[in-house]
Amino acid sequence: MPDARARLASVEIGGRAPVAVMGVINVSPESFHPGSVYGADSILRVALEMVGAGAMLVDVGARSTAPYLATEISEAEESDRLARAVERLADKLPVPVSADTARPAVARAALEAGARVLNDVSGLADPALAREIAAHDASLITMAAPGPGRSPGAPIATVRAVLGEALARAGAAGIPEERIAVDPGIGFFREGAVAWHEWDVAVLRGLAALHALGRPICVGVSRKSFIGALTGRTATEDRLSGSLAATTAAVLNGAALIRAHDVRETLDAVRVAERLREPHA
């Protein structure tokens, strides 16, 4: 496996570090997976349960970014939701809090509220977002995302190119390379010559090619729609088994960080897959 390492706040990923799991908490009622949405009275309890189950980070989202849902909310509403949630967790968890947003003003509010990692689903499309991350000395997970004017080509080549551009923007803003991980954007490329679910399969199958970027890879497959397409499971609550299978594939192909709704079960799959990918004695 590649030696690329990163430190996301206090968490080292990649290299010889064990594959880490990042738990997902949403405060967005419009989220694609209703089982991931928690209110103000439960997010701390759930976050602590995730940490107890082995989560090394907790990622908080306040706006659904599922590209197939009409879920747009205002920047002000997202900022208020996210900052309030981060404030409830940041000084009470023994692990770093990650804020899931692509809006600079929302990122600023979350980082000021105590988030130490920014999970960006836009490939740093807005340079102001990178500047906020750098100004707050935060760590970054940046995701490949289709952008305006870009026609997707072959899945891995397209993802690698988009992530390369994002890394260049991060470097230009002064974000240290050793604080960055990349995400191939499973579930986000919906338009193109390749059917969207086949695109996701191709990216997972070819994940190892992304090691050429020199950054640890974060993968989020948990309960996503391509699993429903492959299994016929239309309800997200029925996609755990498929999620664990996809997680295993991601780890076997070199993922260093797995973003998941179901921490305990995912960590079991991760640990088994890690042993399977070890070189023969």
C-alpha atoms as a PDB file:
ATOM      1  CA  MET A   1       0.000   0.000   0.000  1.00  0.00           C
ATOM      2  CA  PRO A   2       1.190   3.574  -0.648  1.00  0.00           C
ATOM      3  CA  ASP A   3       3.032   5.500   2.050  1.00  0.00           C
ATOM      4  CA  ALA A   4       1.123   8.795   1.699  1.00  0.00           C
ATOM      5  CA  ARG A   5       0.194  10.066   5.150  1.00  0.00           C
ATOM      6  CA  ALA A   6      -1.866  12.941   6.461  1.00  0.00           C
ATOM      7  CA  ARG A   7      -2.831  14.313   9.834  1.00  0.00           C
ATOM      8  CA  LEU A   8      -6.449  15.364  10.062  1.00  0.00           C
ATOM      9  CA  ALA A   9      -6.350  17.443  13.233  1.00  0.00           C
ATOM     10  CA  SER A  10      -4.975  14.884  15.735  1.00  0.00           C
ATOM     11  CA  VAL A  11      -5.748  11.793  13.617  1.00  0.00           C
ATOM     12  CA  GLU A  12      -3.023  10.270  11.461  1.00  0.00           C
ATOM     13  CA  ILE A  13      -4.217   8.401   8.383  1.00  0.00           C
ATOM     14  CA  GLY A  14      -2.387   6.579   5.641  1.00  0.00           C
ATOM     15  CA  GLY A  15       1.062   5.051   5.776  1.00  0.00           C
ATOM     16  CA  ARG A  16       1.238   2.426   8.496  1.00  0.00           C
ATOM     17  CA  ALA A  17      -1.683   3.859  10.471  1.00  0.00           C
ATOM     18  CA  PRO A  18      -4.763   1.636  10.771  1.00  0.00           C
ATOM     19  CA  VAL A  19      -7.630   2.529   8.465  1.00  0.00           C
ATOM     20  CA  ALA A  20      -9.774   5.022  10.360  1.00  0.00           C
ATOM     21  CA  VAL A  21     -13.571   5.317  10.427  1.00  0.00           C
ATOM     22  CA  MET A  22     -15.321   8.686  10.513  1.00  0.00           C
ATOM     23  CA  GLY A  23     -18.859   8.652  11.880  1.00  0.00           C
ATOM     24  CA  VAL A  24     -21.572  10.647  10.105  1.00  0.00           C
ATOM     25  CA  ILE A  25     -24.111  12.833  11.894  1.00  0.00           C
ATOM     26  CA  ASN A  26     -26.598  14.966   9.981  1.00  0.00           C
ATOM     27  CA  VAL A  27     -28.733  17.799  11.293  1.00  0.00           C
ATOM     28  CA  SER A  28     -30.406  18.219   7.908  1.00  0.00           C
ATOM     29  CA  PRO A  29     -33.948  16.774   7.869  1.00  0.00           C
ATOM     30  CA  GLU A  30     -33.715  16.508   4.073  1.00  0.00           C
ATOM     31  CA  SER A  31     -30.780  14.054   4.195  1.00  0.00           C
ATOM     32  CA  PHE A  32     -30.976  11.085   1.796  1.00  0.00           C
ATOM     33  CA  HIS A  33     -30.693   8.665   4.746  1.00  0.00           C
ATOM     34  CA  PRO A  34     -33.242   9.584   7.427  1.00  0.00           C
ATOM     35  CA  GLY A  35     -31.510   7.288   9.906  1.00  0.00           C
ATOM     36  CA  SER A  36     -28.510   9.622   9.965  1.00  0.00           C
ATOM     37  CA  VAL A  37     -30.480  12.688  11.097  1.00  0.00           C
ATOM     38  CA  TYR A  38     -30.415  13.691  14.767  1.00  0.00           C
ATOM     39  CA  GLY A  39     -31.857  16.542  16.774  1.00  0.00           C
ATOM     40  CA  ALA A  40     -30.242  18.805  19.318  1.00  0.00           C
ATOM     41  CA  ASP A  41     -31.241  16.488  22.148  1.00  0.00           C
ATOM     42  CA  SER A  42     -29.497  13.431  20.696  1.00  0.00           C
ATOM     43  CA  ILE A  43     -26.431  14.411  18.664  1.00  0.00           C
ATOM     44  CA  LEU A  44     -24.025  14.365  21.618  1.00  0.00           C
ATOM     45  CA  ARG A  45     -25.239  10.963  22.773  1.00  0.00           C
ATOM     46  CA  VAL A  46     -24.964   9.544  19.256  1.00  0.00           C
ATOM     47  CA  ALA A  47     -21.535  11.085  18.696  1.00  0.00           C
ATOM     48  CA  LEU A  48     -20.236   9.590  21.945  1.00  0.00           C
ATOM     49  CA  GLU A  49     -21.669   6.208  20.942  1.00  0.00           C
ATOM     50  CA  MET A  50     -19.808   6.470  17.626  1.00  0.00           C
ATOM     51  CA  VAL A  51     -16.568   7.273  19.423  1.00  0.00           C
ATOM     52  CA  GLY A  52     -17.169   4.359  21.790  1.00  0.00           C
ATOM     53  CA  ALA A  53     -17.625   2.107  18.767  1.00  0.00           C
ATOM     54  CA  GLY A  54     -14.274   3.224  17.361  1.00  0.00           C
ATOM     55  CA  ALA A  55     -14.830   6.390  15.308  1.00  0.00           C
ATOM     56  CA  MET A  56     -11.655   8.482  15.096  1.00  0.00           C
ATOM     57  CA  LEU A  57     -13.522  11.536  13.773  1.00  0.00           C
ATOM     58  CA  VAL A  58     -17.141  12.679  13.711  1.00  0.00           C
ATOM     59  CA  ASP A  59     -18.380  14.440  10.574  1.00  0.00           C
ATOM     60  CA  VAL A  60     -21.356  16.790  10.899  1.00  0.00           C
ATOM     61  CA  GLY A  61     -23.466  17.922   7.962  1.00  0.00           C
ATOM     62  CA  ALA A  62     -26.243  20.500   7.907  1.00  0.00           C
ATOM     63  CA  ARG A  63     -27.269  20.478   4.245  1.00  0.00           C
ATOM     64  CA  SER A  64     -27.927  17.483   2.049  1.00  0.00           C
ATOM     65  CA  THR A  65     -25.608  17.393  -0.936  1.00  0.00           C
ATOM     66  CA  ALA A  66     -27.193  14.380  -2.644  1.00  0.00           C
ATOM     67  CA  PRO A  67     -27.163  15.477  -6.310  1.00  0.00           C
ATOM     68  CA  TYR A  68     -30.455  13.748  -7.120  1.00  0.00           C
ATOM     69  CA  LEU A  69     -32.505  15.505  -4.405  1.00  0.00           C
ATOM     70  CA  ALA A  70     -34.030  18.991  -4.381  1.00  0.00           C
ATOM     71  CA  THR A  71     -32.756  19.956  -0.946  1.00  0.00           C
ATOM     72  CA  GLU A  72     -31.339  23.458  -1.303  1.00  0.00           C
ATOM     73  CA  ILE A  73     -31.382  25.653   1.804  1.00  0.00           C
ATOM     74  CA  SER A  74     -30.000  29.127   2.353  1.00  0.00           C
ATOM     75  CA  GLU A  75     -26.445  29.788   3.422  1.00  0.00           C
ATOM     76  CA  ALA A  76     -27.730  31.410   6.606  1.00  0.00           C
ATOM     77  CA  GLU A  77     -29.788  28.347   7.550  1.00  0.00           C
ATOM     78  CA  GLU A  78     -26.930  25.956   6.860  1.00  0.00           C
ATOM     79  CA  SER A  79     -24.539  28.132   8.839  1.00  0.00           C
ATOM     80  CA  ASP A  80     -26.844  28.289  11.834  1.00  0.00           C
ATOM     81  CA  ARG A  81     -27.558  24.541  11.795  1.00  0.00           C
ATOM     82  CA  LEU A  82     -23.915  23.553  11.424  1.00  0.00           C
ATOM     83  CA  ALA A  83     -22.411  25.980  13.918  1.00  0.00           C
ATOM     84  CA  ARG A  84     -24.942  24.995  16.588  1.00  0.00           C
ATOM     85  CA  ALA A  85     -24.255  21.294  16.060  1.00  0.00           C
ATOM     86  CA  VAL A  86     -20.474  21.733  16.125  1.00  0.00           C
ATOM     87  CA  GLU A  87     -20.697  23.788  19.311  1.00  0.00           C
ATOM     88  CA  ARG A  88     -22.595  20.944  21.009  1.00  0.00           C
ATOM     89  CA  LEU A  89     -19.829  18.475  20.169  1.00  0.00           C
ATOM     90  CA  ALA A  90     -16.461  20.163  19.802  1.00  0.00           C
ATOM     91  CA  ASP A  91     -15.412  20.467  23.436  1.00  0.00           C
ATOM     92  CA  LYS A  92     -17.187  17.283  24.594  1.00  0.00           C
ATOM     93  CA  LEU A  93     -15.720  14.674  22.244  1.00  0.00           C
ATOM     94  CA  PRO A  94     -12.272  13.092  22.592  1.00  0.00           C
ATOM     95  CA  VAL A  95     -11.943  13.062  18.783  1.00  0.00           C
ATOM     96  CA  PRO A  96     -11.931  15.913  16.228  1.00  0.00           C
ATOM     97  CA  VAL A  97     -15.145  17.220  14.692  1.00  0.00           C
ATOM     98  CA  SER A  98     -15.288  17.559  10.919  1.00  0.00           C
ATOM     99  CA  ALA A  99     -17.685  20.030   9.267  1.00  0.00           C
ATOM    100  CA  ASP A 100     -19.257  18.981   5.973  1.00  0.00           C
ATOM    101  CA  THR A 101     -19.805  22.071   3.809  1.00  0.00           C
ATOM    102  CA  ALA A 102     -18.644  23.679   0.569  1.00  0.00           C
ATOM    103  CA  ARG A 103     -19.689  27.251   1.420  1.00  0.00           C
ATOM    104  CA  PRO A 104     -16.965  29.600   2.705  1.00  0.00           C
ATOM    105  CA  ALA A 105     -19.156  31.521   5.161  1.00  0.00           C
ATOM    106  CA  VAL A 106     -20.584  28.295   6.570  1.00  0.00           C
ATOM    107  CA  ALA A 107     -17.088  26.858   6.869  1.00  0.00           C
ATOM    108  CA  ARG A 108     -15.966  29.941   8.783  1.00  0.00           C
ATOM    109  CA  ALA A 109     -18.854  29.604  11.240  1.00  0.00           C
ATOM    110  CA  ALA A 110     -18.184  25.892  11.778  1.00  0.00           C
ATOM    111  CA  LEU A 111     -14.442  26.327  12.212  1.00  0.00           C
ATOM    112  CA  GLU A 112     -14.995  29.169  14.679  1.00  0.00           C
ATOM    113  CA  ALA A 113     -17.428  26.909  16.553  1.00  0.00           C
ATOM    114  CA  GLY A 114     -14.695  24.306  17.019  1.00  0.00           C
ATOM    115  CA  ALA A 115     -14.503  22.096  13.915  1.00  0.00           C
ATOM    116  CA  ARG A 116     -10.926  21.121  13.114  1.00  0.00           C
ATOM    117  CA  VAL A 117     -11.457  19.387   9.788  1.00  0.00           C
ATOM    118  CA  LEU A 118     -13.362  20.678   6.764  1.00  0.00           C
ATOM    119  CA  ASN A 119     -15.038  18.037   4.589  1.00  0.00           C
ATOM    120  CA  ASP A 120     -15.489  19.744   1.226  1.00  0.00           C
ATOM    121  CA  VAL A 121     -17.694  18.109  -1.419  1.00  0.00           C
ATOM    122  CA  SER A 122     -16.924  20.635  -4.153  1.00  0.00           C
ATOM    123  CA  GLY A 123     -13.269  20.064  -5.027  1.00  0.00           C
ATOM    124  CA  LEU A 124     -12.595  23.563  -3.620  1.00  0.00           C
ATOM    125  CA  ALA A 125     -14.570  25.076  -6.496  1.00  0.00           C
ATOM    126  CA  ASP A 126     -14.747  28.377  -4.570  1.00  0.00           C
ATOM    127  CA  PRO A 127     -11.190  29.578  -3.791  1.00  0.00           C
ATOM    128  CA  ALA A 128     -12.565  31.431  -0.759  1.00  0.00           C
ATOM    129  CA  LEU A 129     -13.254  28.068   0.886  1.00  0.00           C
ATOM    130  CA  ALA A 130      -9.590  27.093   0.678  1.00  0.00           C
ATOM    131  CA  ARG A 131      -8.618  30.447   2.158  1.00  0.00           C
ATOM    132  CA  GLU A 132     -10.929  29.897   5.145  1.00  0.00           C
ATOM    133  CA  ILE A 133      -9.406  26.480   5.792  1.00  0.00           C
ATOM    134  CA  ALA A 134      -5.885  27.882   5.632  1.00  0.00           C
ATOM    135  CA  ALA A 135      -6.747  30.872   7.838  1.00  0.00           C
ATOM    136  CA  HIS A 136      -8.065  28.554  10.558  1.00  0.00           C
ATOM    137  CA  ASP A 137      -5.167  26.063  10.298  1.00  0.00           C
ATOM    138  CA  ALA A 138      -7.722  23.340   9.665  1.00  0.00           C
ATOM    139  CA  SER A 139      -7.295  20.003   7.936  1.00  0.00           C
ATOM    140  CA  LEU A 140      -9.088  19.205   4.685  1.00  0.00           C
ATOM    141  CA  ILE A 141     -10.874  16.335   3.003  1.00  0.00           C
ATOM    142  CA  THR A 142     -11.596  17.458  -0.554  1.00  0.00           C
ATOM    143  CA  MET A 143     -13.913  15.495  -2.817  1.00  0.00           C
ATOM    144  CA  ALA A 144     -14.054  15.097  -6.568  1.00  0.00           C
ATOM    145  CA  ALA A 145     -17.237  16.668  -7.876  1.00  0.00           C
ATOM    146  CA  PRO A 146     -18.543  17.365 -11.371  1.00  0.00           C
ATOM    147  CA  GLY A 147     -18.293  21.053 -12.187  1.00  0.00           C
ATOM    148  CA  PRO A 148     -19.960  23.351 -14.712  1.00  0.00           C
ATOM    149  CA  GLY A 149     -18.562  22.973 -18.195  1.00  0.00           C
ATOM    150  CA  ARG A 150     -16.888  19.646 -17.436  1.00  0.00           C
ATOM    151  CA  SER A 151     -17.924  16.604 -19.444  1.00  0.00           C
ATOM    152  CA  PRO A 152     -17.062  13.448 -17.507  1.00  0.00           C
ATOM    153  CA  GLY A 153     -14.819  11.057 -19.394  1.00  0.00           C
ATOM    154  CA  ALA A 154     -13.455   7.768 -18.104  1.00  0.00           C
ATOM    155  CA  PRO A 155     -14.281   7.491 -14.376  1.00  0.00           C
ATOM    156  CA  ILE A 156     -10.825   7.149 -12.832  1.00  0.00           C
ATOM    157  CA  ALA A 157      -9.160   9.587 -15.230  1.00  0.00           C
ATOM    158  CA  THR A 158     -11.865  12.167 -14.558  1.00  0.00           C
ATOM    159  CA  VAL A 159     -11.720  11.778 -10.779  1.00  0.00           C
ATOM    160  CA  ARG A 160      -7.939  11.950 -10.774  1.00  0.00           C
ATOM    161  CA  ALA A 161      -7.972  15.141 -12.854  1.00  0.00           C
ATOM    162  CA  VAL A 162     -10.611  16.828 -10.677  1.00  0.00           C
ATOM    163  CA  LEU A 163      -8.760  15.948  -7.482  1.00  0.00           C
ATOM    164  CA  GLY A 164      -5.475  17.132  -8.964  1.00  0.00           C
ATOM    165  CA  GLU A 165      -7.060  20.521  -9.625  1.00  0.00           C
ATOM    166  CA  ALA A 166      -8.429  20.635  -6.074  1.00  0.00           C
ATOM    167  CA  LEU A 167      -5.001  19.878  -4.632  1.00  0.00           C
ATOM    168  CA  ALA A 168      -3.505  22.656  -6.714  1.00  0.00           C
ATOM    169  CA  ARG A 169      -6.088  25.103  -5.307  1.00  0.00           C
ATOM    170  CA  ALA A 170      -5.348  23.928  -1.784  1.00  0.00           C
ATOM    171  CA  GLY A 171      -1.631  24.440  -2.295  1.00  0.00           C
ATOM    172  CA  ALA A 172      -2.177  27.904  -3.740  1.00  0.00           C
ATOM    173  CA  ALA A 173      -4.181  28.854  -0.637  1.00  0.00           C
ATOM    174  CA  GLY A 174      -1.412  27.655   1.667  1.00  0.00           C
ATOM    175  CA  ILE A 175      -3.011  24.478   3.051  1.00  0.00           C
ATOM    176  CA  PRO A 176      -0.123  22.126   3.904  1.00  0.00           C
ATOM    177  CA  GLU A 177      -0.184  18.922   1.882  1.00  0.00           C
ATOM    178  CA  GLU A 178       0.241  16.820   5.003  1.00  0.00           C
ATOM    179  CA  ARG A 179      -3.153  18.036   6.254  1.00  0.00           C
ATOM    180  CA  ILE A 180      -5.099  16.915   3.168  1.00  0.00           C
ATOM    181  CA  ALA A 181      -6.961  13.739   2.203  1.00  0.00           C
ATOM    182  CA  VAL A 182      -8.886  13.191  -1.034  1.00  0.00           C
ATOM    183  CA  ASP A 183     -12.289  11.620  -1.693  1.00  0.00           C
ATOM    184  CA  PRO A 184     -13.307  10.181  -5.110  1.00  0.00           C
ATOM    185  CA  GLY A 185     -16.900  11.393  -4.798  1.00  0.00           C
ATOM    186  CA  ILE A 186     -18.899   8.174  -4.850  1.00  0.00           C
ATOM    187  CA  GLY A 187     -22.492   9.048  -5.738  1.00  0.00           C
ATOM    188  CA  PHE A 188     -21.840  12.499  -7.158  1.00  0.00           C
ATOM    189  CA  PHE A 189     -21.154  11.880 -10.865  1.00  0.00           C
ATOM    190  CA  ARG A 190     -24.633  11.356 -12.239  1.00  0.00           C
ATOM    191  CA  GLU A 191     -24.323  12.601 -15.826  1.00  0.00           C
ATOM    192  CA  GLY A 192     -22.170  11.171 -18.577  1.00  0.00           C
ATOM    193  CA  ALA A 193     -21.718   8.292 -20.958  1.00  0.00           C
ATOM    194  CA  VAL A 194     -21.294   5.817 -18.085  1.00  0.00           C
ATOM    195  CA  ALA A 195     -24.413   4.987 -16.044  1.00  0.00           C
ATOM    196  CA  TRP A 196     -24.073   6.564 -12.598  1.00  0.00           C
ATOM    197  CA  HIS A 197     -24.042   3.302 -10.634  1.00  0.00           C
ATOM    198  CA  GLU A 198     -21.510   1.771 -13.033  1.00  0.00           C
ATOM    199  CA  TRP A 199     -19.398   4.899 -12.592  1.00  0.00           C
ATOM    200  CA  ASP A 200     -19.252   4.304  -8.844  1.00  0.00           C
ATOM    201  CA  VAL A 201     -18.369   0.652  -9.337  1.00  0.00           C
ATOM    202  CA  ALA A 202     -15.578   1.611 -11.747  1.00  0.00           C
ATOM    203  CA  VAL A 203     -14.149   4.145  -9.299  1.00  0.00           C
ATOM    204  CA  LEU A 204     -14.113   1.649  -6.434  1.00  0.00           C
ATOM    205  CA  ARG A 205     -12.573  -0.989  -8.680  1.00  0.00           C
ATOM    206  CA  GLY A 206      -9.849   1.415  -9.846  1.00  0.00           C
ATOM    207  CA  LEU A 207      -9.298   3.237  -6.564  1.00  0.00           C
ATOM    208  CA  ALA A 208      -5.641   2.244  -6.372  1.00  0.00           C
ATOM    209  CA  ALA A 209      -4.883   4.461  -9.388  1.00  0.00           C
ATOM    210  CA  LEU A 210      -5.668   7.512  -7.247  1.00  0.00           C
ATOM    211  CA  HIS A 211      -2.631   6.816  -5.075  1.00  0.00           C
ATOM    212  CA  ALA A 212      -0.674   8.637  -7.774  1.00  0.00           C
ATOM    213  CA  LEU A 213      -2.050  11.871  -6.279  1.00  0.00           C
ATOM    214  CA  GLY A 214       0.138  11.298  -3.227  1.00  0.00           C
ATOM    215  CA  ARG A 215      -2.642  11.829  -0.686  1.00  0.00           C
ATOM    216  CA  PRO A 216      -4.514   9.361   1.547  1.00  0.00           C
ATOM    217  CA  ILE A 217      -7.933   8.406   0.228  1.00  0.00           C
ATOM    218  CA  CYS A 218     -11.206   8.859   2.101  1.00  0.00           C
ATOM    219  CA  VAL A 219     -14.161   6.859   0.783  1.00  0.00           C
ATOM    220  CA  GLY A 220     -17.836   7.286   1.609  1.00  0.00           C
ATOM    221  CA  VAL A 221     -20.100   4.498   0.331  1.00  0.00           C
ATOM    222  CA  SER A 222     -22.418   4.187   3.300  1.00  0.00           C
ATOM    223  CA  ARG A 223     -26.009   3.372   2.208  1.00  0.00           C
ATOM    224  CA  LYS A 224     -25.565   5.259  -1.076  1.00  0.00           C
ATOM    225  CA  SER A 225     -27.821   4.912  -4.084  1.00  0.00           C
ATOM    226  CA  PHE A 226     -25.441   2.832  -6.209  1.00  0.00           C
ATOM    227  CA  ILE A 227     -25.773   0.103  -3.571  1.00  0.00           C
ATOM    228  CA  GLY A 228     -29.525   0.299  -3.976  1.00  0.00           C
ATOM    229  CA  ALA A 229     -29.122   0.042  -7.755  1.00  0.00           C
ATOM    230  CA  LEU A 230     -26.926  -3.045  -7.469  1.00  0.00           C
ATOM    231  CA  THR A 231     -29.006  -4.834  -4.839  1.00  0.00           C
ATOM    232  CA  GLY A 232     -32.538  -3.637  -5.513  1.00  0.00           C
ATOM    233  CA  ARG A 233     -32.723  -2.214  -1.987  1.00  0.00           C
ATOM    234  CA  THR A 234     -34.622   1.017  -2.453  1.00  0.00           C
ATOM    235  CA  ALA A 235     -34.781   1.975   1.236  1.00  0.00           C
ATOM    236  CA  THR A 236     -31.538   3.263   2.724  1.00  0.00           C
ATOM    237  CA  GLU A 237     -32.171   1.344   5.952  1.00  0.00           C
ATOM    238  CA  ASP A 238     -31.816  -1.889   3.943  1.00  0.00           C
ATOM    239  CA  ARG A 239     -28.382  -1.113   2.500  1.00  0.00           C
ATOM    240  CA  LEU A 240     -26.045  -1.918   5.395  1.00  0.00           C
ATOM    241  CA  SER A 241     -24.823  -5.246   4.003  1.00  0.00           C
ATOM    242  CA  GLY A 242     -24.063  -3.706   0.625  1.00  0.00           C
ATOM    243  CA  SER A 243     -22.299  -0.816   2.332  1.00  0.00           C
ATOM    244  CA  LEU A 244     -20.029  -3.203   4.213  1.00  0.00           C
ATOM    245  CA  ALA A 245     -19.174  -5.072   0.997  1.00  0.00           C
ATOM    246  CA  ALA A 246     -18.281  -1.807  -0.741  1.00  0.00           C
ATOM    247  CA  THR A 247     -16.266  -0.709   2.289  1.00  0.00           C
ATOM    248  CA  THR A 248     -14.268  -3.927   2.107  1.00  0.00           C
ATOM    249  CA  ALA A 249     -13.497  -3.275  -1.561  1.00  0.00           C
ATOM    250  CA  ALA A 250     -12.401   0.280  -0.761  1.00  0.00           C
ATOM    251  CA  VAL A 251     -10.023  -0.875   1.951  1.00  0.00           C
ATOM    252  CA  LEU A 252      -8.583  -3.642  -0.211  1.00  0.00           C
ATOM    253  CA  ASN A 253      -7.842  -1.004  -2.852  1.00  0.00           C
ATOM    254  CA  GLY A 254      -6.056   1.269  -0.396  1.00  0.00           C
ATOM    255  CA  ALA A 255      -8.565   3.573   1.304  1.00  0.00           C
ATOM    256  CA  ALA A 256      -7.154   5.119   4.479  1.00  0.00           C
ATOM    257  CA  LEU A 257     -10.361   6.619   5.891  1.00  0.00           C
ATOM    258  CA  ILE A 258     -13.956   5.377   5.642  1.00  0.00           C
ATOM    259  CA  ARG A 259     -16.894   7.720   6.196  1.00  0.00           C
ATOM    260  CA  ALA A 260     -19.854   5.741   7.540  1.00  0.00           C
ATOM    261  CA  HIS A 261     -23.205   5.940   9.277  1.00  0.00           C
ATOM    262  CA  ASP A 262     -22.758   2.597  11.039  1.00  0.00           C
ATOM    263  CA  VAL A 263     -19.468   2.822  12.874  1.00  0.00           C
ATOM    264  CA  ARG A 264     -19.376  -0.461  14.778  1.00  0.00           C
ATOM    265  CA  GLU A 265     -20.284  -2.662  11.819  1.00  0.00           C
ATOM    266  CA  THR A 266     -18.073  -0.704   9.436  1.00  0.00           C
ATOM    267  CA  LEU A 267     -15.060  -0.974  11.711  1.00  0.00           C
ATOM    268  CA  ASP A 268     -15.445  -4.762  11.787  1.00  0.00           C
ATOM    269  CA  ALA A 269     -15.429  -4.853   7.979  1.00  0.00           C
ATOM    270  CA  VAL A 270     -12.431  -2.513   7.878  1.00  0.00           C
ATOM    271  CA  ARG A 271     -10.340  -4.618  10.252  1.00  0.00           C
ATOM    272  CA  VAL A 272     -11.017  -7.828   8.300  1.00  0.00           C
ATOM    273  CA  ALA A 273     -10.227  -6.111   4.991  1.00  0.00           C
ATOM    274  CA  GLU A 274      -7.000  -4.690   6.414  1.00  0.00           C
ATOM    275  CA  ARG A 275      -5.783  -8.180   7.241  1.00  0.00           C
ATOM    276  CA  LEU A 276      -6.697  -9.401   3.780  1.00  0.00           C
ATOM    277  CA  ARG A 277      -4.669  -6.669   2.104  1.00  0.00           C
ATOM    278  CA  GLU A 278      -1.540  -7.306   4.169  1.00  0.00           C
ATOM    279  CA  PRO A 279       1.441  -8.660   2.172  1.00  0.00           C
ATOM    280  CA  HIS A 280       2.014 -12.388   2.493  1.00  0.00           C
ATOM    281  CA  ALA A 281       4.545 -13.315   5.183  1.00  0.00           C
END
